Amino acid sequence: MKGKQSTIEVTRDAEGRPRVVSGTAAPILADFLETDLRGDATWTAKVADRLDEAGEGGEPITGNLYALEIRGAQSVLRNIHDAKVPALLLPTKDLAAAVGVWLAALRKPGRKARPQRKE
């Protein structure tokens, strides 16, 4: 994440899909964005809404690899398939900012991959 970890940097791969730039986010956060939120702007917006509410006691948000527990000012990302992977505890506002950047990237049309030139 940039600066005080309040934002991430997103780029696009050759197919135009958003990707977190290496080193701009904790590996677990980058993986959560890319695997659990993926290219689904509707789902990502719902997660963003829950983060904006920052309510405690709600059901965890469970995705493909992670469960997100929003605990007021702090949130926890846990790998649901490997208990040996340490959970990531981070401020909810920072997580909300990262999800917001991801959502903005999803809503912005990506460039299409250039066709391979055949010779």
C-alpha atoms as a PDB file:
ATOM      1  CA  MET A   1       0.000   0.000   0.000  1.00  0.00           C
ATOM      2  CA  LYS A   2       1.118   3.529  -0.564  1.00  0.00           C
ATOM      3  CA  GLY A   3       1.975   5.932   2.209  1.00  0.00           C
ATOM      4  CA  LYS A   4       0.355   4.908   5.461  1.00  0.00           C
ATOM      5  CA  GLN A   5      -1.303   1.898   3.845  1.00  0.00           C
ATOM      6  CA  SER A   6      -4.496   3.741   3.069  1.00  0.00           C
ATOM      7  CA  THR A   7      -4.496   3.030  -0.652  1.00  0.00           C
ATOM      8  CA  ILE A   8      -3.254   0.387  -3.036  1.00  0.00           C
ATOM      9  CA  GLU A   9      -1.975   0.665  -6.559  1.00  0.00           C
ATOM     10  CA  VAL A  10      -3.842  -1.268  -9.221  1.00  0.00           C
ATOM     11  CA  THR A  11      -2.657  -2.049 -12.733  1.00  0.00           C
ATOM     12  CA  ARG A  12      -4.027  -4.299 -15.476  1.00  0.00           C
ATOM     13  CA  ASP A  13      -2.669  -7.548 -16.837  1.00  0.00           C
ATOM     14  CA  ALA A  14      -2.458  -8.419 -20.540  1.00  0.00           C
ATOM     15  CA  GLU A  15      -6.134  -9.459 -20.553  1.00  0.00           C
ATOM     16  CA  GLY A  16      -7.201  -6.158 -18.981  1.00  0.00           C
ATOM     17  CA  ARG A  17      -7.997  -7.617 -15.539  1.00  0.00           C
ATOM     18  CA  PRO A  18      -7.100  -5.489 -12.517  1.00  0.00           C
ATOM     19  CA  ARG A  19      -4.107  -6.616 -10.459  1.00  0.00           C
ATOM     20  CA  VAL A  20      -2.603  -5.252  -7.267  1.00  0.00           C
ATOM     21  CA  VAL A  21       0.887  -3.919  -7.960  1.00  0.00           C
ATOM     22  CA  SER A  22       3.426  -6.033  -6.105  1.00  0.00           C
ATOM     23  CA  GLY A  23       4.537  -4.414  -2.878  1.00  0.00           C
ATOM     24  CA  THR A  24       1.612  -1.990  -2.561  1.00  0.00           C
ATOM     25  CA  ALA A  25      -0.433  -4.222  -0.246  1.00  0.00           C
ATOM     26  CA  ALA A  26       0.075  -7.015   2.238  1.00  0.00           C
ATOM     27  CA  PRO A  27       0.133 -10.301   0.285  1.00  0.00           C
ATOM     28  CA  ILE A  28      -3.051 -11.519   1.985  1.00  0.00           C
ATOM     29  CA  LEU A  29      -4.897  -8.300   1.145  1.00  0.00           C
ATOM     30  CA  ALA A  30      -3.730  -8.420  -2.474  1.00  0.00           C
ATOM     31  CA  ASP A  31      -4.802 -12.060  -2.714  1.00  0.00           C
ATOM     32  CA  PHE A  32      -8.197 -11.265  -1.136  1.00  0.00           C
ATOM     33  CA  LEU A  33      -8.844  -8.529  -3.701  1.00  0.00           C
ATOM     34  CA  GLU A  34      -7.730 -10.636  -6.645  1.00  0.00           C
ATOM     35  CA  THR A  35      -9.303 -13.978  -5.651  1.00  0.00           C
ATOM     36  CA  ASP A  36     -12.331 -13.235  -3.490  1.00  0.00           C
ATOM     37  CA  LEU A  37     -13.490  -9.954  -4.998  1.00  0.00           C
ATOM     38  CA  ARG A  38     -12.031 -10.671  -8.452  1.00  0.00           C
ATOM     39  CA  GLY A  39     -13.811  -8.902 -11.280  1.00  0.00           C
ATOM     40  CA  ASP A  40     -17.234  -8.738  -9.644  1.00  0.00           C
ATOM     41  CA  ALA A  41     -18.089  -5.057  -9.140  1.00  0.00           C
ATOM     42  CA  THR A  42     -21.513  -5.854  -7.645  1.00  0.00           C
ATOM     43  CA  TRP A  43     -20.050  -8.142  -4.966  1.00  0.00           C
ATOM     44  CA  THR A  44     -17.198  -5.710  -4.301  1.00  0.00           C
ATOM     45  CA  ALA A  45     -19.714  -2.866  -3.817  1.00  0.00           C
ATOM     46  CA  LYS A  46     -21.589  -4.973  -1.239  1.00  0.00           C
ATOM     47  CA  VAL A  47     -18.343  -5.634   0.642  1.00  0.00           C
ATOM     48  CA  ALA A  48     -17.526  -1.906   0.461  1.00  0.00           C
ATOM     49  CA  ASP A  49     -20.950  -1.080   1.929  1.00  0.00           C
ATOM     50  CA  ARG A  50     -20.385  -3.469   4.835  1.00  0.00           C
ATOM     51  CA  LEU A  51     -16.971  -1.928   5.475  1.00  0.00           C
ATOM     52  CA  ASP A  52     -18.461   1.572   5.413  1.00  0.00           C
ATOM     53  CA  GLU A  53     -20.970   0.476   8.063  1.00  0.00           C
ATOM     54  CA  ALA A  54     -18.086  -1.000  10.114  1.00  0.00           C
ATOM     55  CA  GLY A  55     -20.583  -2.726  12.367  1.00  0.00           C
ATOM     56  CA  GLU A  56     -19.504  -5.333  14.854  1.00  0.00           C
ATOM     57  CA  GLY A  57     -21.105  -8.707  15.327  1.00  0.00           C
ATOM     58  CA  GLY A  58     -22.185  -9.259  11.748  1.00  0.00           C
ATOM     59  CA  GLU A  59     -21.604 -12.517   9.959  1.00  0.00           C
ATOM     60  CA  PRO A  60     -18.166 -12.833   8.370  1.00  0.00           C
ATOM     61  CA  ILE A  61     -18.025 -12.247   4.638  1.00  0.00           C
ATOM     62  CA  THR A  62     -16.791 -15.511   3.188  1.00  0.00           C
ATOM     63  CA  GLY A  63     -15.259 -15.777  -0.254  1.00  0.00           C
ATOM     64  CA  ASN A  64     -13.210 -18.309  -2.180  1.00  0.00           C
ATOM     65  CA  LEU A  65     -10.172 -18.248   0.101  1.00  0.00           C
ATOM     66  CA  TYR A  66     -10.840 -15.779   2.896  1.00  0.00           C
ATOM     67  CA  ALA A  67     -13.298 -14.865   5.598  1.00  0.00           C
ATOM     68  CA  LEU A  68     -13.500 -11.164   6.419  1.00  0.00           C
ATOM     69  CA  GLU A  69     -14.549 -10.257   9.945  1.00  0.00           C
ATOM     70  CA  ILE A  70     -15.411  -6.583  10.421  1.00  0.00           C
ATOM     71  CA  ARG A  71     -14.902  -5.646  14.067  1.00  0.00           C
ATOM     72  CA  GLY A  72     -15.627  -1.958  14.196  1.00  0.00           C
ATOM     73  CA  ALA A  73     -12.356  -0.063  13.767  1.00  0.00           C
ATOM     74  CA  GLN A  74     -10.400  -3.268  13.073  1.00  0.00           C
ATOM     75  CA  SER A  75     -10.977  -5.998  10.510  1.00  0.00           C
ATOM     76  CA  VAL A  76      -9.498  -9.472  10.160  1.00  0.00           C
ATOM     77  CA  LEU A  77      -8.835 -11.486   7.003  1.00  0.00           C
ATOM     78  CA  ARG A  78      -8.471 -15.228   7.622  1.00  0.00           C
ATOM     79  CA  ASN A  79      -7.557 -17.934   5.153  1.00  0.00           C
ATOM     80  CA  ILE A  80     -10.421 -20.448   5.352  1.00  0.00           C
ATOM     81  CA  HIS A  81      -8.433 -23.310   3.819  1.00  0.00           C
ATOM     82  CA  ASP A  82      -5.138 -23.127   5.718  1.00  0.00           C
ATOM     83  CA  ALA A  83      -5.174 -22.440   9.445  1.00  0.00           C
ATOM     84  CA  LYS A  84      -1.371 -22.113   9.400  1.00  0.00           C
ATOM     85  CA  VAL A  85      -1.566 -18.893   7.396  1.00  0.00           C
ATOM     86  CA  PRO A  86      -1.542 -16.021   9.902  1.00  0.00           C
ATOM     87  CA  ALA A  87      -4.608 -13.796   9.848  1.00  0.00           C
ATOM     88  CA  LEU A  88      -4.210 -10.190   8.746  1.00  0.00           C
ATOM     89  CA  LEU A  89      -5.479  -7.596  11.225  1.00  0.00           C
ATOM     90  CA  LEU A  90      -5.814  -4.117   9.774  1.00  0.00           C
ATOM     91  CA  PRO A  91      -7.778  -0.924  10.352  1.00  0.00           C
ATOM     92  CA  THR A  92     -11.223  -1.115   8.763  1.00  0.00           C
ATOM     93  CA  LYS A  93     -10.757   2.337   7.214  1.00  0.00           C
ATOM     94  CA  ASP A  94      -7.594   1.142   5.435  1.00  0.00           C
ATOM     95  CA  LEU A  95      -9.325  -1.989   4.204  1.00  0.00           C
ATOM     96  CA  ALA A  96     -12.299   0.089   3.044  1.00  0.00           C
ATOM     97  CA  ALA A  97      -9.939   2.388   1.131  1.00  0.00           C
ATOM     98  CA  ALA A  98      -8.256  -0.587  -0.567  1.00  0.00           C
ATOM     99  CA  VAL A  99     -11.612  -2.111  -1.516  1.00  0.00           C
ATOM    100  CA  GLY A 100     -12.686   1.303  -2.830  1.00  0.00           C
ATOM    101  CA  VAL A 101      -9.627   1.523  -5.079  1.00  0.00           C
ATOM    102  CA  TRP A 102     -10.293  -2.032  -6.281  1.00  0.00           C
ATOM    103  CA  LEU A 103     -13.954  -1.187  -6.976  1.00  0.00           C
ATOM    104  CA  ALA A 104     -12.968   1.911  -8.944  1.00  0.00           C
ATOM    105  CA  ALA A 105     -10.625  -0.226 -11.055  1.00  0.00           C
ATOM    106  CA  LEU A 106     -13.414  -2.730 -11.686  1.00  0.00           C
ATOM    107  CA  ARG A 107     -15.789  -0.003 -12.800  1.00  0.00           C
ATOM    108  CA  LYS A 108     -13.234   1.520 -15.167  1.00  0.00           C
ATOM    109  CA  PRO A 109     -13.155  -0.343 -18.455  1.00  0.00           C
ATOM    110  CA  GLY A 110      -9.931  -2.265 -18.917  1.00  0.00           C
ATOM    111  CA  ARG A 111      -7.974  -2.341 -22.084  1.00  0.00           C
ATOM    112  CA  LYS A 112      -8.425  -5.400 -24.189  1.00  0.00           C
ATOM    113  CA  ALA A 113      -5.495  -7.656 -24.880  1.00  0.00           C
ATOM    114  CA  ARG A 114      -3.823  -6.979 -28.183  1.00  0.00           C
ATOM    115  CA  PRO A 115      -4.073  -9.842 -30.624  1.00  0.00           C
ATOM    116  CA  GLN A 116      -0.830 -11.707 -31.193  1.00  0.00           C
ATOM    117  CA  ARG A 117       0.703 -10.835 -34.500  1.00  0.00           C
ATOM    118  CA  LYS A 118       1.204 -13.903 -36.664  1.00  0.00           C
ATOM    119  CA  GLU A 119       4.018 -13.942 -39.115  1.00  0.00           C
END
